[in-house]
């Protein structure tokens, strides 16, 4: 089972992935990116941070299941022997992965009011130019992507603990049990 969290910038995707891994032991699939690390992120934990050349090599050698360019950076999901866990993907990547592994992928789409997302992006250190670029790009990419129709769960993520509970409920409904808290 692969849980894919998707949504616009600042919707809380990485935060939720970290909570579900740290507090409930849900493995994180390895995402690769060419963007710069944000404060508090750890290479090899939050993402594999690579150069443009390294990313191109991985893509060309088939080491990535899917990849996308977003806001001037590349993001991809590293191919692995066991694809069980949680990942964060852009809308097109989420749909592609679900098409590659029907029945194995559950998509969680996070909705958050734009002003809340802007505040979150500013709070994490994005520049005003980066924020504006991401908001504009998200309007283009998410409004007409059809991802909400393909999502197994659409959540208003203005309250992180409530969102975690809803995702755990999805897992419980799929597996008949929910992950135990405090596993890591």
Protein backbone atom coordinates (compact mmCIF):
# COMPACT_ATOMS: atom_id res chain seq x y z
CA UNK A 1 0.00 0.00 0.00
CA UNK A 2 1.21 3.45 -0.92
CA UNK A 3 -0.35 6.52 0.67
CA UNK A 4 0.23 9.57 -1.53
CA UNK A 5 -0.29 12.97 0.05
CA UNK A 6 -0.83 15.72 -2.48
CA UNK A 7 -2.01 19.29 -2.43
CA UNK A 8 -0.82 22.79 -3.15
CA UNK A 9 2.27 24.36 -1.60
CA UNK A 10 1.88 25.05 2.10
CA UNK A 11 -0.96 22.55 2.53
CA UNK A 12 1.02 20.53 5.09
CA UNK A 13 2.11 17.52 3.02
CA UNK A 14 5.62 17.16 4.41
CA UNK A 15 4.49 17.86 7.98
CA UNK A 16 1.88 15.10 7.79
CA UNK A 17 4.30 12.64 6.21
CA UNK A 18 6.77 13.30 9.04
CA UNK A 19 4.11 12.88 11.78
CA UNK A 20 2.80 9.64 10.27
CA UNK A 21 6.34 8.28 10.09
CA UNK A 22 7.65 9.54 13.43
CA UNK A 23 4.58 8.87 15.57
CA UNK A 24 2.96 5.89 13.82
CA UNK A 25 5.88 4.14 12.13
CA UNK A 26 4.53 4.41 8.59
CA UNK A 27 7.60 4.11 6.35
CA UNK A 28 8.46 7.07 4.13
CA UNK A 29 9.19 6.31 0.51
CA UNK A 30 12.25 8.15 -0.76
CA UNK A 31 11.48 11.36 -2.60
CA UNK A 32 14.29 13.04 -4.50
CA UNK A 33 14.51 16.77 -5.20
CA UNK A 34 16.84 19.37 -6.65
CA UNK A 35 15.47 22.17 -4.45
CA UNK A 36 17.39 23.59 -1.53
CA UNK A 37 16.83 22.20 1.96
CA UNK A 38 14.52 24.20 4.16
CA UNK A 39 15.40 24.86 7.81
CA UNK A 40 14.96 21.70 9.85
CA UNK A 41 14.96 19.32 6.87
CA UNK A 42 17.42 16.44 6.88
CA UNK A 43 18.99 15.00 3.73
CA UNK A 44 17.99 11.36 3.37
CA UNK A 45 15.08 11.74 5.79
CA UNK A 46 12.79 14.44 4.44
CA UNK A 47 14.11 14.15 0.88
CA UNK A 48 17.20 13.02 -0.94
CA UNK A 49 18.61 16.41 -1.95
CA UNK A 50 20.57 16.08 -5.20
CA UNK A 51 22.10 18.27 -7.89
CA UNK A 52 20.44 18.77 -11.26
CA UNK A 53 23.06 16.46 -12.82
CA UNK A 54 22.44 13.72 -10.23
CA UNK A 55 18.68 13.98 -10.76
CA UNK A 56 19.07 13.71 -14.54
CA UNK A 57 21.30 10.66 -14.12
CA UNK A 58 18.75 8.99 -11.83
CA UNK A 59 15.93 9.78 -14.26
CA UNK A 60 17.88 8.58 -17.31
CA UNK A 61 18.98 5.35 -15.59
CA UNK A 62 15.40 4.50 -14.56
CA UNK A 63 15.95 5.02 -10.83
CA UNK A 64 12.78 7.14 -10.54
CA UNK A 65 9.23 5.78 -10.77
CA UNK A 66 7.92 9.21 -11.63
CA UNK A 67 9.24 12.74 -11.72
CA UNK A 68 8.04 16.27 -12.33
CA UNK A 69 9.44 19.79 -12.62
CA UNK A 70 7.72 22.15 -10.20
CA UNK A 71 8.57 25.79 -9.47
CA UNK A 72 11.98 25.48 -11.11
CA UNK A 73 12.99 22.32 -9.23
CA UNK A 74 12.70 18.64 -10.00
CA UNK A 75 10.96 16.13 -7.74
CA UNK A 76 10.77 12.37 -8.13
CA UNK A 77 9.97 9.13 -6.34
CA UNK A 78 12.90 6.77 -6.05
CA UNK A 79 12.32 3.25 -7.32
CA UNK A 80 12.48 0.69 -4.49
CA UNK A 81 12.13 -3.06 -4.03
CA UNK A 82 9.27 -2.65 -1.56
CA UNK A 83 6.80 0.11 -2.25
CA UNK A 84 4.93 0.29 1.02
CA UNK A 85 4.64 3.54 2.87
CA UNK A 86 3.84 7.19 2.53
CA UNK A 87 5.04 9.74 0.02
CA UNK A 88 4.39 13.31 -1.07
CA UNK A 89 3.78 13.89 -4.78
CA UNK A 90 2.50 16.64 -7.05
CA UNK A 91 -0.96 15.98 -8.57
CA UNK A 92 0.28 14.53 -11.87
CA UNK A 93 2.73 12.23 -10.09
CA UNK A 94 -0.02 11.01 -7.75
CA UNK A 95 -2.30 10.17 -10.68
CA UNK A 96 0.53 8.49 -12.58
CA UNK A 97 1.48 6.33 -9.58
CA UNK A 98 -2.15 5.31 -9.02
CA UNK A 99 -2.32 4.30 -12.69
CA UNK A 100 0.88 2.26 -12.36
CA UNK A 101 -0.30 0.42 -9.23
CA UNK A 102 -4.11 0.26 -9.30
CA UNK A 103 -5.55 -0.89 -6.00
CA UNK A 104 -2.25 -0.32 -4.20
CA UNK A 105 -2.24 3.51 -4.12
CA UNK A 106 -4.48 5.69 -1.94
CA UNK A 107 -4.42 9.42 -2.67
CA UNK A 108 -5.04 11.97 0.08
CA UNK A 109 -5.68 15.47 -1.24
CA UNK A 110 -5.18 18.37 1.19
CA UNK A 111 -7.29 21.48 0.85
CA UNK A 112 -6.21 24.60 2.71
CA UNK A 113 -7.39 28.19 2.23
CA UNK A 114 -4.93 30.18 0.15
CA UNK A 115 -4.23 32.76 2.89
CA UNK A 116 -3.36 29.96 5.33
CA UNK A 117 -1.01 28.41 2.78
CA UNK A 118 0.65 31.78 2.15
CA UNK A 119 1.22 32.23 5.89
CA UNK A 120 2.69 28.72 6.20
CA UNK A 121 5.05 29.32 3.27
CA UNK A 122 6.23 32.61 4.76
CA UNK A 123 6.64 31.00 8.19
CA UNK A 124 8.87 28.27 6.73
CA UNK A 125 11.11 30.89 5.14
CA UNK A 126 9.93 31.13 1.52
CA UNK A 127 10.63 34.53 -0.02
CA UNK A 128 7.67 36.68 -1.16
CA UNK A 129 8.67 35.94 -4.76
CA UNK A 130 8.73 32.17 -4.12
CA UNK A 131 5.34 32.35 -2.39
CA UNK A 132 3.74 34.24 -5.27
CA UNK A 133 5.26 31.88 -7.84
CA UNK A 134 4.04 28.80 -5.94
CA UNK A 135 0.53 30.19 -5.42
CA UNK A 136 0.21 31.04 -9.12
CA UNK A 137 1.61 27.66 -10.18
CA UNK A 138 -0.76 25.85 -7.79
CA UNK A 139 -3.76 27.68 -9.26
CA UNK A 140 -2.73 26.44 -12.70
CA UNK A 141 -1.82 22.88 -11.69
CA UNK A 142 -4.44 21.91 -9.15
CA UNK A 143 -7.64 23.66 -10.23
CA UNK A 144 -7.97 21.69 -13.47
CA UNK A 145 -5.93 18.59 -12.63
CA UNK A 146 -8.86 16.35 -11.68
CA UNK A 147 -6.87 15.12 -8.67
CA UNK A 148 -9.73 15.74 -6.24
CA UNK A 149 -11.92 13.38 -8.27
CA UNK A 150 -9.25 10.66 -8.14
CA UNK A 151 -8.44 11.17 -4.45
CA UNK A 152 -9.56 8.52 -1.98
CA UNK A 153 -9.77 11.17 0.72
CA UNK A 154 -10.11 14.97 0.47
CA UNK A 155 -9.31 16.77 3.72
CA UNK A 156 -9.52 20.39 4.83
CA UNK A 157 -6.09 20.49 6.49
CA UNK A 158 -6.49 23.49 8.76
CA UNK A 159 -6.14 21.26 11.84
CA UNK A 160 -3.18 18.84 11.68
CA UNK A 161 -4.30 16.44 14.48
CA UNK A 162 -7.73 16.07 12.86
CA UNK A 163 -6.12 15.39 9.48
CA UNK A 164 -3.85 12.73 11.00
CA UNK A 165 -6.93 11.04 12.47
CA UNK A 166 -8.67 11.04 9.07
CA UNK A 167 -5.65 9.49 7.36
CA UNK A 168 -5.39 6.87 10.09
CA UNK A 169 -9.09 6.18 9.52
CA UNK A 170 -8.38 5.59 5.82
CA UNK A 171 -5.67 3.11 6.77
CA UNK A 172 -7.99 1.40 9.25
CA UNK A 173 -10.70 1.13 6.61
CA UNK A 174 -8.23 -0.35 4.15
CA UNK A 175 -6.37 -2.75 6.46
CA UNK A 176 -8.90 -3.33 9.23
CA UNK A 177 -6.53 -1.82 11.79
CA UNK A 178 -4.77 1.46 12.36
CA UNK A 179 -1.08 1.95 13.07
CA UNK A 180 -0.26 2.16 16.77
CA UNK A 181 0.92 5.53 18.06
CA UNK A 182 4.45 5.81 19.40
CA UNK A 183 6.02 3.15 17.20
CA UNK A 184 9.20 5.09 16.48
